[in-house]
Amino acid sequence: MKMRNHTPVTEFLLMGIPHTQGLEHALFVFFLTFYLLTLVGNLLILLAILTSSNLHTPMYFFLGNLSVFDIFFPSVSSPKMMLYLLGQSRTISYQGCACQLFFYHFLGCTECFLYTVMAYDRFAAICHPLRYTVIMSPRVCAILTLSTWVGSSVHASVLAFLVFKLPYCGPTEVGNFFCDIPVVLPLACADTSLAHRVSVTNVGVVALLCFLLVLASYTRIVISILRISSSEGRHRAFSTCSAHLTSVLLFYGPVVLIYLRPASSTWLESVVPLLNNIVTPSLNPLIYSLRNKDVKFALRKALIQGVHTCGM
C-alpha cells in the first residue's frame, strides 16, 4: 500500500458490535452485570486468600495474581464501552487507543503466562509432592511472577510499537468496541505486512508455547494420577486440577478464534472478544470457588468476621 499524504488522525471512532443498533440499553445492562460480577467475584477471591493463612501457598498465590489481572483485564475496554452505550461519545484519542491495545495484550499475555505457571505448580504438587515446597519456594514463586510481568511488558510493547509507528490518516472507524490489532491495523495508510506478520507470529508463538507447556504438565499429571492406587486419591488429585484446566480452555478458545483463524470475520472480531474480555474473567471466581472447599471456607470465615466487625 502506498503512503497517502493526509493529516494524521488524532482520534478514532469505536463502532461497537455490528448489527446491535437499538439494543444499547440491553447491552449496557448485560455488560454492567458481568463487569460487576467480575469485580465482586475476584475481590472476594482476593479477600479469602489474603485473610486465610491456610491459603498462603503457591497455588493460591498465583490464583490471587490471576484475580488481580481478571479485575484489570475487562477494565481496559468495559468502562468506555458502557459509556458510549449510554449515549456518550464513541471517540477515543490516538493515545487512548494505543493504551488500550498495550494493556489488553499486556494483561492477556500475563494471564497466559500465569496459566502456564499454575500448570507447572500443579505438576510439582502432584508429581513431586515430597519436593514441592523446595521446587515452589517463595523465591521461585516471586521470580516466576516477576518474569510473567516482564515478559508480558516486552510482548505488549513490541506489538504496540509496530502498530502505532505506522501513519494513520483516515478512515478512523474502528470496527469493534475497543482497540485491538485486527481492527486498528487495517486503518493504517502504509504497508502493514510487517506489523501483521510479526503480531500474528508473536501472539501465535506465545499462545502455542504456553499451551504446549500446559499440555506437557497435564500429560505428566494424568500419568501420575493414574498410578495412584486409591480411587479417593485419584478423585482428590483430579479435583485440584479441574478448575485450572477449565479456565485454560475458556482462555485459549477465544485467542485461537481471534488471532489464529485462517480468514477474517467481522462477527468473530466483534463478538468473540466479549468472551475473553468480559465473560471469562467473571466465571473464574465461580470456577475456582464452587469446587474448592478451602476457598469457600476461607471466604465464609472472612465474611462472617466482616459482619461481626461492622456490627460492633
C-alpha atoms as a PDB file:
ATOM      1  CA  MET A   1       0.000   0.000   0.000  1.00  0.00           C
ATOM      2  CA  LYS A   2       1.369   3.408  -0.940  1.00  0.00           C
ATOM      3  CA  MET A   3       1.669   6.179   1.587  1.00  0.00           C
ATOM      4  CA  ARG A   4      -1.159   8.724   1.410  1.00  0.00           C
ATOM      5  CA  ASN A   5      -0.358  12.337   2.199  1.00  0.00           C
ATOM      6  CA  HIS A   6      -3.161  13.273   4.637  1.00  0.00           C
ATOM      7  CA  THR A   7      -3.387  14.855   8.065  1.00  0.00           C
ATOM      8  CA  PRO A   8      -2.566  12.305  10.783  1.00  0.00           C
ATOM      9  CA  VAL A   9      -5.592  11.272  12.854  1.00  0.00           C
ATOM     10  CA  THR A  10      -5.798  12.348  16.492  1.00  0.00           C
ATOM     11  CA  GLU A  11      -8.719  10.141  17.478  1.00  0.00           C
ATOM     12  CA  PHE A  12     -10.593   7.013  16.446  1.00  0.00           C
ATOM     13  CA  LEU A  13     -14.283   6.168  16.407  1.00  0.00           C
ATOM     14  CA  LEU A  14     -15.317   2.938  18.144  1.00  0.00           C
ATOM     15  CA  MET A  15     -18.113   1.411  16.061  1.00  0.00           C
ATOM     16  CA  GLY A  16     -19.087  -1.182  18.653  1.00  0.00           C
ATOM     17  CA  ILE A  17     -20.643  -4.570  17.963  1.00  0.00           C
ATOM     18  CA  PRO A  18     -22.132  -4.824  14.438  1.00  0.00           C
ATOM     19  CA  HIS A  19     -25.896  -5.237  13.967  1.00  0.00           C
ATOM     20  CA  THR A  20     -26.785  -4.216  17.534  1.00  0.00           C
ATOM     21  CA  GLN A  21     -28.474  -0.871  16.796  1.00  0.00           C
ATOM     22  CA  GLY A  22     -31.395  -0.323  19.154  1.00  0.00           C
ATOM     23  CA  LEU A  23     -30.039  -2.775  21.718  1.00  0.00           C
ATOM     24  CA  GLU A  24     -27.785  -0.293  23.512  1.00  0.00           C
ATOM     25  CA  HIS A  25     -29.640  -0.316  26.838  1.00  0.00           C
ATOM     26  CA  ALA A  26     -29.978  -4.102  26.907  1.00  0.00           C
ATOM     27  CA  LEU A  27     -26.268  -4.469  26.113  1.00  0.00           C
ATOM     28  CA  PHE A  28     -25.407  -1.929  28.809  1.00  0.00           C
ATOM     29  CA  VAL A  29     -27.276  -3.977  31.434  1.00  0.00           C
ATOM     30  CA  PHE A  30     -25.640  -7.172  30.150  1.00  0.00           C
ATOM     31  CA  PHE A  31     -22.096  -5.774  30.231  1.00  0.00           C
ATOM     32  CA  LEU A  32     -22.585  -3.964  33.541  1.00  0.00           C
ATOM     33  CA  THR A  33     -23.848  -7.178  35.145  1.00  0.00           C
ATOM     34  CA  PHE A  34     -20.840  -9.206  34.008  1.00  0.00           C
ATOM     35  CA  TYR A  35     -18.429  -6.383  34.887  1.00  0.00           C
ATOM     36  CA  LEU A  36     -19.795  -6.127  38.433  1.00  0.00           C
ATOM     37  CA  LEU A  37     -19.714  -9.916  38.779  1.00  0.00           C
ATOM     38  CA  THR A  38     -16.075  -9.830  37.707  1.00  0.00           C
ATOM     39  CA  LEU A  39     -15.135  -7.134  40.217  1.00  0.00           C
ATOM     40  CA  VAL A  40     -17.055  -8.618  43.155  1.00  0.00           C
ATOM     41  CA  GLY A  41     -16.089 -12.221  42.446  1.00  0.00           C
ATOM     42  CA  ASN A  42     -12.371 -11.581  42.078  1.00  0.00           C
ATOM     43  CA  LEU A  43     -12.277  -9.208  45.051  1.00  0.00           C
ATOM     44  CA  LEU A  44     -13.893 -11.934  47.169  1.00  0.00           C
ATOM     45  CA  ILE A  45     -11.283 -14.445  45.996  1.00  0.00           C
ATOM     46  CA  LEU A  46      -8.542 -11.973  46.953  1.00  0.00           C
ATOM     47  CA  LEU A  47     -10.209 -11.388  50.330  1.00  0.00           C
ATOM     48  CA  ALA A  48     -10.304 -15.119  51.029  1.00  0.00           C
ATOM     49  CA  ILE A  49      -6.649 -15.603  50.068  1.00  0.00           C
ATOM     50  CA  LEU A  50      -5.347 -12.589  51.994  1.00  0.00           C
ATOM     51  CA  THR A  51      -7.268 -13.288  55.220  1.00  0.00           C
ATOM     52  CA  SER A  52      -6.732 -17.059  55.463  1.00  0.00           C
ATOM     53  CA  SER A  53      -3.305 -18.356  56.444  1.00  0.00           C
ATOM     54  CA  ASN A  54      -4.293 -21.778  55.081  1.00  0.00           C
ATOM     55  CA  LEU A  55      -4.356 -20.263  51.588  1.00  0.00           C
ATOM     56  CA  HIS A  56      -0.865 -18.774  51.795  1.00  0.00           C
ATOM     57  CA  THR A  57       0.528 -21.399  49.419  1.00  0.00           C
ATOM     58  CA  PRO A  58       1.989 -21.152  45.899  1.00  0.00           C
ATOM     59  CA  MET A  59      -1.254 -22.369  44.303  1.00  0.00           C
ATOM     60  CA  TYR A  60      -3.318 -19.600  45.907  1.00  0.00           C
ATOM     61  CA  PHE A  61      -0.554 -17.040  45.476  1.00  0.00           C
ATOM     62  CA  PHE A  62      -0.852 -17.481  41.708  1.00  0.00           C
ATOM     63  CA  LEU A  63      -4.650 -17.576  41.930  1.00  0.00           C
ATOM     64  CA  GLY A  64      -4.505 -14.230  43.724  1.00  0.00           C
ATOM     65  CA  ASN A  65      -2.377 -12.831  40.920  1.00  0.00           C
ATOM     66  CA  LEU A  66      -4.881 -14.166  38.398  1.00  0.00           C
ATOM     67  CA  SER A  67      -7.735 -12.471  40.272  1.00  0.00           C
ATOM     68  CA  VAL A  68      -5.900  -9.131  40.153  1.00  0.00           C
ATOM     69  CA  PHE A  69      -5.414  -9.383  36.398  1.00  0.00           C
ATOM     70  CA  ASP A  70      -9.011 -10.570  35.945  1.00  0.00           C
ATOM     71  CA  ILE A  71     -10.093  -7.300  37.572  1.00  0.00           C
ATOM     72  CA  PHE A  72      -7.927  -5.137  35.329  1.00  0.00           C
ATOM     73  CA  PHE A  73      -8.414  -7.082  32.082  1.00  0.00           C
ATOM     74  CA  PRO A  74     -12.090  -6.162  31.450  1.00  0.00           C
ATOM     75  CA  SER A  75     -11.403  -2.677  32.822  1.00  0.00           C
ATOM     76  CA  VAL A  76      -9.345  -1.943  29.695  1.00  0.00           C
ATOM     77  CA  SER A  77     -12.433  -1.827  27.480  1.00  0.00           C
ATOM     78  CA  SER A  78     -15.637  -2.191  29.531  1.00  0.00           C
ATOM     79  CA  PRO A  79     -15.954   1.327  31.080  1.00  0.00           C
ATOM     80  CA  LYS A  80     -15.518   3.111  27.741  1.00  0.00           C
ATOM     81  CA  MET A  81     -17.897   0.684  26.035  1.00  0.00           C
ATOM     82  CA  MET A  82     -20.606   1.154  28.661  1.00  0.00           C
ATOM     83  CA  LEU A  83     -20.299   4.938  28.403  1.00  0.00           C
ATOM     84  CA  TYR A  84     -20.981   5.017  24.682  1.00  0.00           C
ATOM     85  CA  LEU A  85     -23.836   2.525  25.123  1.00  0.00           C
ATOM     86  CA  LEU A  86     -25.407   5.178  27.357  1.00  0.00           C
ATOM     87  CA  GLY A  87     -25.106   7.732  24.561  1.00  0.00           C
ATOM     88  CA  GLN A  88     -21.695   9.231  25.357  1.00  0.00           C
ATOM     89  CA  SER A  89     -19.118   9.930  22.659  1.00  0.00           C
ATOM     90  CA  ARG A  90     -17.746   6.914  20.790  1.00  0.00           C
ATOM     91  CA  THR A  91     -14.456   8.660  20.061  1.00  0.00           C
ATOM     92  CA  ILE A  92     -11.204   7.585  21.666  1.00  0.00           C
ATOM     93  CA  SER A  93      -7.968   9.535  21.411  1.00  0.00           C
ATOM     94  CA  TYR A  94      -4.982   8.218  19.483  1.00  0.00           C
ATOM     95  CA  GLN A  95      -3.078   7.837  22.761  1.00  0.00           C
ATOM     96  CA  GLY A  96      -6.081   6.199  24.425  1.00  0.00           C
ATOM     97  CA  CYS A  97      -6.339   3.677  21.601  1.00  0.00           C
ATOM     98  CA  ALA A  98      -2.633   2.865  21.909  1.00  0.00           C
ATOM     99  CA  CYS A  99      -3.009   2.413  25.679  1.00  0.00           C
ATOM    100  CA  GLN A 100      -5.977   0.099  25.203  1.00  0.00           C
ATOM    101  CA  LEU A 101      -4.026  -2.070  22.785  1.00  0.00           C
ATOM    102  CA  PHE A 102      -0.937  -2.175  25.011  1.00  0.00           C
ATOM    103  CA  PHE A 103      -2.740  -3.040  28.238  1.00  0.00           C
ATOM    104  CA  TYR A 104      -5.036  -5.526  26.521  1.00  0.00           C
ATOM    105  CA  HIS A 105      -2.022  -7.514  25.306  1.00  0.00           C
ATOM    106  CA  PHE A 106      -0.001  -6.942  28.478  1.00  0.00           C
ATOM    107  CA  LEU A 107      -2.772  -8.258  30.728  1.00  0.00           C
ATOM    108  CA  GLY A 108      -3.781 -11.004  28.293  1.00  0.00           C
ATOM    109  CA  CYS A 109      -0.205 -12.240  27.904  1.00  0.00           C
ATOM    110  CA  THR A 110       0.320 -12.120  31.673  1.00  0.00           C
ATOM    111  CA  GLU A 111      -2.744 -14.316  32.166  1.00  0.00           C
ATOM    112  CA  CYS A 112      -1.408 -16.686  29.504  1.00  0.00           C
ATOM    113  CA  PHE A 113       1.907 -16.964  31.358  1.00  0.00           C
ATOM    114  CA  LEU A 114       0.121 -17.312  34.718  1.00  0.00           C
ATOM    115  CA  TYR A 115      -1.938 -20.251  33.473  1.00  0.00           C
ATOM    116  CA  THR A 116       1.324 -21.893  32.401  1.00  0.00           C
ATOM    117  CA  VAL A 117       2.946 -21.266  35.775  1.00  0.00           C
ATOM    118  CA  MET A 118      -0.147 -22.578  37.560  1.00  0.00           C
ATOM    119  CA  ALA A 119       0.022 -25.767  35.461  1.00  0.00           C
ATOM    120  CA  TYR A 120       3.673 -26.172  36.482  1.00  0.00           C
ATOM    121  CA  ASP A 121       2.673 -25.635  40.113  1.00  0.00           C
ATOM    122  CA  ARG A 122       0.090 -28.449  39.865  1.00  0.00           C
ATOM    123  CA  PHE A 123       2.687 -30.645  38.156  1.00  0.00           C
ATOM    124  CA  ALA A 124       5.147 -30.083  41.008  1.00  0.00           C
ATOM    125  CA  ALA A 125       2.475 -30.699  43.673  1.00  0.00           C
ATOM    126  CA  ILE A 126       1.163 -33.954  42.180  1.00  0.00           C
ATOM    127  CA  CYS A 127       4.238 -35.442  40.528  1.00  0.00           C
ATOM    128  CA  HIS A 128       6.811 -34.372  43.150  1.00  0.00           C
ATOM    129  CA  PRO A 129       4.855 -33.926  46.419  1.00  0.00           C
ATOM    130  CA  LEU A 130       7.849 -34.531  48.695  1.00  0.00           C
ATOM    131  CA  ARG A 131       9.939 -31.845  46.966  1.00  0.00           C
ATOM    132  CA  TYR A 132       7.053 -29.451  46.331  1.00  0.00           C
ATOM    133  CA  THR A 133       7.987 -26.872  48.970  1.00  0.00           C
ATOM    134  CA  VAL A 134      11.541 -26.770  47.596  1.00  0.00           C
ATOM    135  CA  ILE A 135      10.524 -26.602  43.930  1.00  0.00           C
ATOM    136  CA  MET A 136       7.907 -23.885  44.563  1.00  0.00           C
ATOM    137  CA  SER A 137       9.700 -21.905  47.263  1.00  0.00           C
ATOM    138  CA  PRO A 138       8.679 -18.278  47.899  1.00  0.00           C
ATOM    139  CA  ARG A 139      11.752 -17.106  45.970  1.00  0.00           C
ATOM    140  CA  VAL A 140      10.841 -19.246  42.954  1.00  0.00           C
ATOM    141  CA  CYS A 141       7.230 -18.022  43.071  1.00  0.00           C
ATOM    142  CA  ALA A 142       8.406 -14.402  43.149  1.00  0.00           C
ATOM    143  CA  ILE A 143      10.792 -14.954  40.225  1.00  0.00           C
ATOM    144  CA  LEU A 144       8.102 -16.692  38.154  1.00  0.00           C
ATOM    145  CA  THR A 145       5.599 -13.912  38.835  1.00  0.00           C
ATOM    146  CA  LEU A 146       8.085 -11.144  38.031  1.00  0.00           C
ATOM    147  CA  SER A 147       9.068 -12.986  34.848  1.00  0.00           C
ATOM    148  CA  THR A 148       5.446 -13.074  33.685  1.00  0.00           C
ATOM    149  CA  TRP A 149       5.154  -9.304  34.172  1.00  0.00           C
ATOM    150  CA  VAL A 150       8.433  -8.520  32.404  1.00  0.00           C
ATOM    151  CA  GLY A 151       7.796 -10.929  29.543  1.00  0.00           C
ATOM    152  CA  SER A 152       4.278  -9.562  29.031  1.00  0.00           C
ATOM    153  CA  SER A 153       5.568  -5.977  29.035  1.00  0.00           C
ATOM    154  CA  VAL A 154       8.073  -6.794  26.298  1.00  0.00           C
ATOM    155  CA  HIS A 155       5.418  -8.663  24.295  1.00  0.00           C
ATOM    156  CA  ALA A 156       2.870  -5.829  24.515  1.00  0.00           C
ATOM    157  CA  SER A 157       5.482  -3.120  23.868  1.00  0.00           C
ATOM    158  CA  VAL A 158       6.633  -4.783  20.639  1.00  0.00           C
ATOM    159  CA  LEU A 159       3.063  -5.104  19.367  1.00  0.00           C
ATOM    160  CA  ALA A 160       2.057  -1.548  20.311  1.00  0.00           C
ATOM    161  CA  PHE A 161       5.225  -0.116  18.747  1.00  0.00           C
ATOM    162  CA  LEU A 162       4.741  -1.967  15.462  1.00  0.00           C
ATOM    163  CA  VAL A 163       1.089  -0.970  15.174  1.00  0.00           C
ATOM    164  CA  PHE A 164       1.370   2.685  16.185  1.00  0.00           C
ATOM    165  CA  LYS A 165       4.630   3.536  14.462  1.00  0.00           C
ATOM    166  CA  LEU A 166       2.582   3.339  11.256  1.00  0.00           C
ATOM    167  CA  PRO A 167       0.904   6.534   9.998  1.00  0.00           C
ATOM    168  CA  TYR A 168      -2.867   6.817  10.381  1.00  0.00           C
ATOM    169  CA  CYS A 169      -4.568   9.394   8.197  1.00  0.00           C
ATOM    170  CA  GLY A 170      -8.096   8.056   7.764  1.00  0.00           C
ATOM    171  CA  PRO A 171     -10.507   6.363   7.886  1.00  0.00           C
ATOM    172  CA  THR A 172     -10.868   6.384  11.677  1.00  0.00           C
ATOM    173  CA  GLU A 173     -13.711   3.894  12.249  1.00  0.00           C
ATOM    174  CA  VAL A 174     -12.564   1.026  14.480  1.00  0.00           C
ATOM    175  CA  GLY A 175     -14.853  -1.912  13.761  1.00  0.00           C
ATOM    176  CA  ASN A 176     -15.080  -3.115  17.351  1.00  0.00           C
ATOM    177  CA  PHE A 177     -15.829  -1.918  20.890  1.00  0.00           C
ATOM    178  CA  PHE A 178     -12.143  -1.443  21.737  1.00  0.00           C
ATOM    179  CA  CYS A 179      -8.783  -1.022  20.002  1.00  0.00           C
ATOM    180  CA  ASP A 180      -7.021  -4.241  19.040  1.00  0.00           C
ATOM    181  CA  ILE A 181      -4.620  -5.241  16.281  1.00  0.00           C
ATOM    182  CA  PRO A 182      -7.090  -6.923  13.860  1.00  0.00           C
ATOM    183  CA  VAL A 183      -9.311  -3.806  13.702  1.00  0.00           C
ATOM    184  CA  VAL A 184      -6.750  -0.999  14.064  1.00  0.00           C
ATOM    185  CA  LEU A 185      -4.049  -2.216  11.679  1.00  0.00           C
ATOM    186  CA  PRO A 186      -6.236  -2.059   8.510  1.00  0.00           C
ATOM    187  CA  LEU A 187      -6.741   1.676   9.157  1.00  0.00           C
ATOM    188  CA  ALA A 188      -3.039   2.477   8.625  1.00  0.00           C
ATOM    189  CA  CYS A 189      -2.173   4.371   5.438  1.00  0.00           C
ATOM    190  CA  ALA A 190       1.086   2.479   4.875  1.00  0.00           C
ATOM    191  CA  ASP A 191       2.263  -1.060   4.276  1.00  0.00           C
ATOM    192  CA  THR A 192       1.092  -3.172   7.211  1.00  0.00           C
ATOM    193  CA  SER A 193       2.529  -6.528   6.118  1.00  0.00           C
ATOM    194  CA  LEU A 194       5.476  -6.469   8.561  1.00  0.00           C
ATOM    195  CA  ALA A 195       3.320  -5.445  11.528  1.00  0.00           C
ATOM    196  CA  HIS A 196       0.726  -8.058  10.581  1.00  0.00           C
ATOM    197  CA  ARG A 197       3.251 -10.878  10.261  1.00  0.00           C
ATOM    198  CA  VAL A 198       5.075 -10.012  13.479  1.00  0.00           C
ATOM    199  CA  SER A 199       1.867  -9.581  15.501  1.00  0.00           C
ATOM    200  CA  VAL A 200       0.354 -12.857  14.303  1.00  0.00           C
ATOM    201  CA  THR A 201       3.675 -14.656  14.855  1.00  0.00           C
ATOM    202  CA  ASN A 202       4.226 -13.044  18.256  1.00  0.00           C
ATOM    203  CA  VAL A 203       0.747 -13.834  19.563  1.00  0.00           C
ATOM    204  CA  GLY A 204       0.781 -17.270  17.951  1.00  0.00           C
ATOM    205  CA  VAL A 205       4.182 -18.281  19.337  1.00  0.00           C
ATOM    206  CA  VAL A 206       3.351 -17.097  22.868  1.00  0.00           C
ATOM    207  CA  ALA A 207      -0.054 -18.800  22.888  1.00  0.00           C
ATOM    208  CA  LEU A 208       1.226 -22.012  21.299  1.00  0.00           C
ATOM    209  CA  LEU A 209       4.294 -22.255  23.547  1.00  0.00           C
ATOM    210  CA  CYS A 210       2.254 -21.694  26.699  1.00  0.00           C
ATOM    211  CA  PHE A 211      -0.386 -24.173  25.557  1.00  0.00           C
ATOM    212  CA  LEU A 212       2.233 -26.848  24.838  1.00  0.00           C
ATOM    213  CA  LEU A 213       3.810 -26.333  28.263  1.00  0.00           C
ATOM    214  CA  VAL A 214       0.376 -26.631  29.897  1.00  0.00           C
ATOM    215  CA  LEU A 215      -0.311 -29.747  27.831  1.00  0.00           C
ATOM    216  CA  ALA A 216       3.048 -31.280  28.822  1.00  0.00           C
ATOM    217  CA  SER A 217       2.378 -30.549  32.514  1.00  0.00           C
ATOM    218  CA  TYR A 218      -1.065 -32.123  32.411  1.00  0.00           C
ATOM    219  CA  THR A 219       0.174 -35.143  30.485  1.00  0.00           C
ATOM    220  CA  ARG A 220       2.612 -35.845  33.314  1.00  0.00           C
ATOM    221  CA  ILE A 221      -0.094 -35.074  35.876  1.00  0.00           C
ATOM    222  CA  VAL A 222      -2.563 -37.530  34.325  1.00  0.00           C
ATOM    223  CA  ILE A 223       0.107 -40.260  34.198  1.00  0.00           C
ATOM    224  CA  SER A 224       0.923 -39.683  37.880  1.00  0.00           C
ATOM    225  CA  ILE A 225      -2.747 -39.642  38.905  1.00  0.00           C
ATOM    226  CA  LEU A 226      -3.470 -42.920  37.126  1.00  0.00           C
ATOM    227  CA  ARG A 227      -0.702 -44.509  39.191  1.00  0.00           C
ATOM    228  CA  ILE A 228      -2.484 -43.625  42.450  1.00  0.00           C
ATOM    229  CA  SER A 229      -3.969 -46.814  43.845  1.00  0.00           C
ATOM    230  CA  SER A 230      -6.995 -45.447  45.729  1.00  0.00           C
ATOM    231  CA  SER A 231      -9.980 -44.002  43.860  1.00  0.00           C
ATOM    232  CA  GLU A 232     -10.348 -41.324  46.552  1.00  0.00           C
ATOM    233  CA  GLY A 233      -6.770 -40.201  45.988  1.00  0.00           C
ATOM    234  CA  ARG A 234      -7.290 -40.029  42.225  1.00  0.00           C
ATOM    235  CA  HIS A 235     -10.506 -38.049  42.684  1.00  0.00           C
ATOM    236  CA  ARG A 236      -8.808 -35.569  45.040  1.00  0.00           C
ATOM    237  CA  ALA A 237      -5.911 -35.087  42.621  1.00  0.00           C
ATOM    238  CA  PHE A 238      -8.204 -34.569  39.641  1.00  0.00           C
ATOM    239  CA  SER A 239     -10.380 -32.099  41.562  1.00  0.00           C
ATOM    240  CA  THR A 240      -7.390 -29.857  42.312  1.00  0.00           C
ATOM    241  CA  CYS A 241      -6.669 -29.581  38.579  1.00  0.00           C
ATOM    242  CA  SER A 242     -10.171 -29.412  37.088  1.00  0.00           C
ATOM    243  CA  ALA A 243     -10.739 -25.725  37.883  1.00  0.00           C
ATOM    244  CA  HIS A 244      -7.446 -24.647  36.342  1.00  0.00           C
ATOM    245  CA  LEU A 245      -7.990 -26.799  33.255  1.00  0.00           C
ATOM    246  CA  THR A 246     -11.478 -25.326  32.738  1.00  0.00           C
ATOM    247  CA  SER A 247     -10.081 -21.773  32.926  1.00  0.00           C
ATOM    248  CA  VAL A 248      -7.331 -22.638  30.442  1.00  0.00           C
ATOM    249  CA  LEU A 249      -9.857 -23.921  27.907  1.00  0.00           C
ATOM    250  CA  LEU A 250     -12.041 -20.818  28.334  1.00  0.00           C
ATOM    251  CA  PHE A 251      -8.985 -18.587  27.877  1.00  0.00           C
ATOM    252  CA  TYR A 252      -7.457 -20.243  24.815  1.00  0.00           C
ATOM    253  CA  GLY A 253     -10.693 -20.722  22.884  1.00  0.00           C
ATOM    254  CA  PRO A 254     -11.242 -17.019  22.078  1.00  0.00           C
ATOM    255  CA  VAL A 255      -7.498 -16.464  21.487  1.00  0.00           C
ATOM    256  CA  VAL A 256      -7.468 -19.133  18.759  1.00  0.00           C
ATOM    257  CA  LEU A 257     -10.656 -17.800  17.163  1.00  0.00           C
ATOM    258  CA  ILE A 258      -9.477 -14.174  17.129  1.00  0.00           C
ATOM    259  CA  TYR A 259      -5.811 -14.393  16.134  1.00  0.00           C
ATOM    260  CA  LEU A 260      -5.135 -17.796  14.587  1.00  0.00           C
ATOM    261  CA  ARG A 261      -8.150 -18.181  12.288  1.00  0.00           C
ATOM    262  CA  PRO A 262      -7.372 -18.522   8.541  1.00  0.00           C
ATOM    263  CA  ALA A 263      -9.811 -15.861   7.311  1.00  0.00           C
ATOM    264  CA  SER A 264     -11.172 -12.527   8.542  1.00  0.00           C
ATOM    265  CA  SER A 265     -14.643 -12.420  10.074  1.00  0.00           C
ATOM    266  CA  THR A 266     -16.406  -9.289  11.322  1.00  0.00           C
ATOM    267  CA  TRP A 267     -18.577 -11.342  13.667  1.00  0.00           C
ATOM    268  CA  LEU A 268     -15.606 -13.126  15.216  1.00  0.00           C
ATOM    269  CA  GLU A 269     -13.643  -9.884  15.579  1.00  0.00           C
ATOM    270  CA  SER A 270     -16.511  -8.238  17.485  1.00  0.00           C
ATOM    271  CA  VAL A 271     -18.376 -10.929  19.399  1.00  0.00           C
ATOM    272  CA  VAL A 272     -15.709 -13.478  20.363  1.00  0.00           C
ATOM    273  CA  PRO A 273     -13.583 -10.900  22.269  1.00  0.00           C
ATOM    274  CA  LEU A 274     -16.556 -10.477  24.598  1.00  0.00           C
ATOM    275  CA  LEU A 275     -15.853 -13.973  25.898  1.00  0.00           C
ATOM    276  CA  ASN A 276     -12.212 -13.173  26.558  1.00  0.00           C
ATOM    277  CA  ASN A 277     -12.746  -9.626  27.887  1.00  0.00           C
ATOM    278  CA  ILE A 278     -15.906  -9.853  29.932  1.00  0.00           C
ATOM    279  CA  VAL A 279     -17.371 -13.346  30.337  1.00  0.00           C
ATOM    280  CA  THR A 280     -14.292 -15.439  31.221  1.00  0.00           C
ATOM    281  CA  PRO A 281     -12.982 -13.083  33.988  1.00  0.00           C
ATOM    282  CA  SER A 282     -16.429 -13.228  35.628  1.00  0.00           C
ATOM    283  CA  LEU A 283     -16.510 -17.035  35.505  1.00  0.00           C
ATOM    284  CA  ASN A 284     -13.069 -17.662  37.007  1.00  0.00           C
ATOM    285  CA  PRO A 285     -14.136 -16.869  40.622  1.00  0.00           C
ATOM    286  CA  LEU A 286     -17.022 -19.340  40.270  1.00  0.00           C
ATOM    287  CA  ILE A 287     -14.788 -21.983  38.710  1.00  0.00           C
ATOM    288  CA  TYR A 288     -12.174 -21.714  41.462  1.00  0.00           C
ATOM    289  CA  SER A 289     -14.583 -21.435  44.393  1.00  0.00           C
ATOM    290  CA  LEU A 290     -17.514 -23.752  43.693  1.00  0.00           C
ATOM    291  CA  ARG A 291     -15.431 -26.938  43.852  1.00  0.00           C
ATOM    292  CA  ASN A 292     -12.812 -25.692  46.292  1.00  0.00           C
ATOM    293  CA  LYS A 293     -13.718 -26.291  49.925  1.00  0.00           C
ATOM    294  CA  ASP A 294     -10.705 -24.328  51.208  1.00  0.00           C
ATOM    295  CA  VAL A 295     -11.687 -21.174  49.311  1.00  0.00           C
ATOM    296  CA  LYS A 296     -15.356 -21.461  50.305  1.00  0.00           C
ATOM    297  CA  PHE A 297     -14.462 -21.963  53.967  1.00  0.00           C
ATOM    298  CA  ALA A 298     -11.972 -19.059  53.979  1.00  0.00           C
ATOM    299  CA  LEU A 299     -14.447 -16.778  52.208  1.00  0.00           C
ATOM    300  CA  ARG A 300     -17.264 -17.694  54.592  1.00  0.00           C
ATOM    301  CA  LYS A 301     -14.991 -17.060  57.570  1.00  0.00           C
ATOM    302  CA  ALA A 302     -13.815 -13.697  56.199  1.00  0.00           C
ATOM    303  CA  LEU A 303     -17.392 -12.548  55.515  1.00  0.00           C
ATOM    304  CA  ILE A 304     -18.596 -13.606  58.976  1.00  0.00           C
ATOM    305  CA  GLN A 305     -15.695 -11.729  60.589  1.00  0.00           C
ATOM    306  CA  GLY A 306     -16.526  -8.692  58.466  1.00  0.00           C
ATOM    307  CA  VAL A 307     -20.189  -8.779  59.506  1.00  0.00           C
ATOM    308  CA  HIS A 308     -19.238  -9.094  63.196  1.00  0.00           C
ATOM    309  CA  THR A 309     -16.778  -6.203  62.855  1.00  0.00           C
ATOM    310  CA  CYS A 310     -19.400  -3.968  61.222  1.00  0.00           C
ATOM    311  CA  GLY A 311     -21.950  -4.914  63.887  1.00  0.00           C
ATOM    312  CA  MET A 312     -19.712  -3.908  66.778  1.00  0.00           C
END
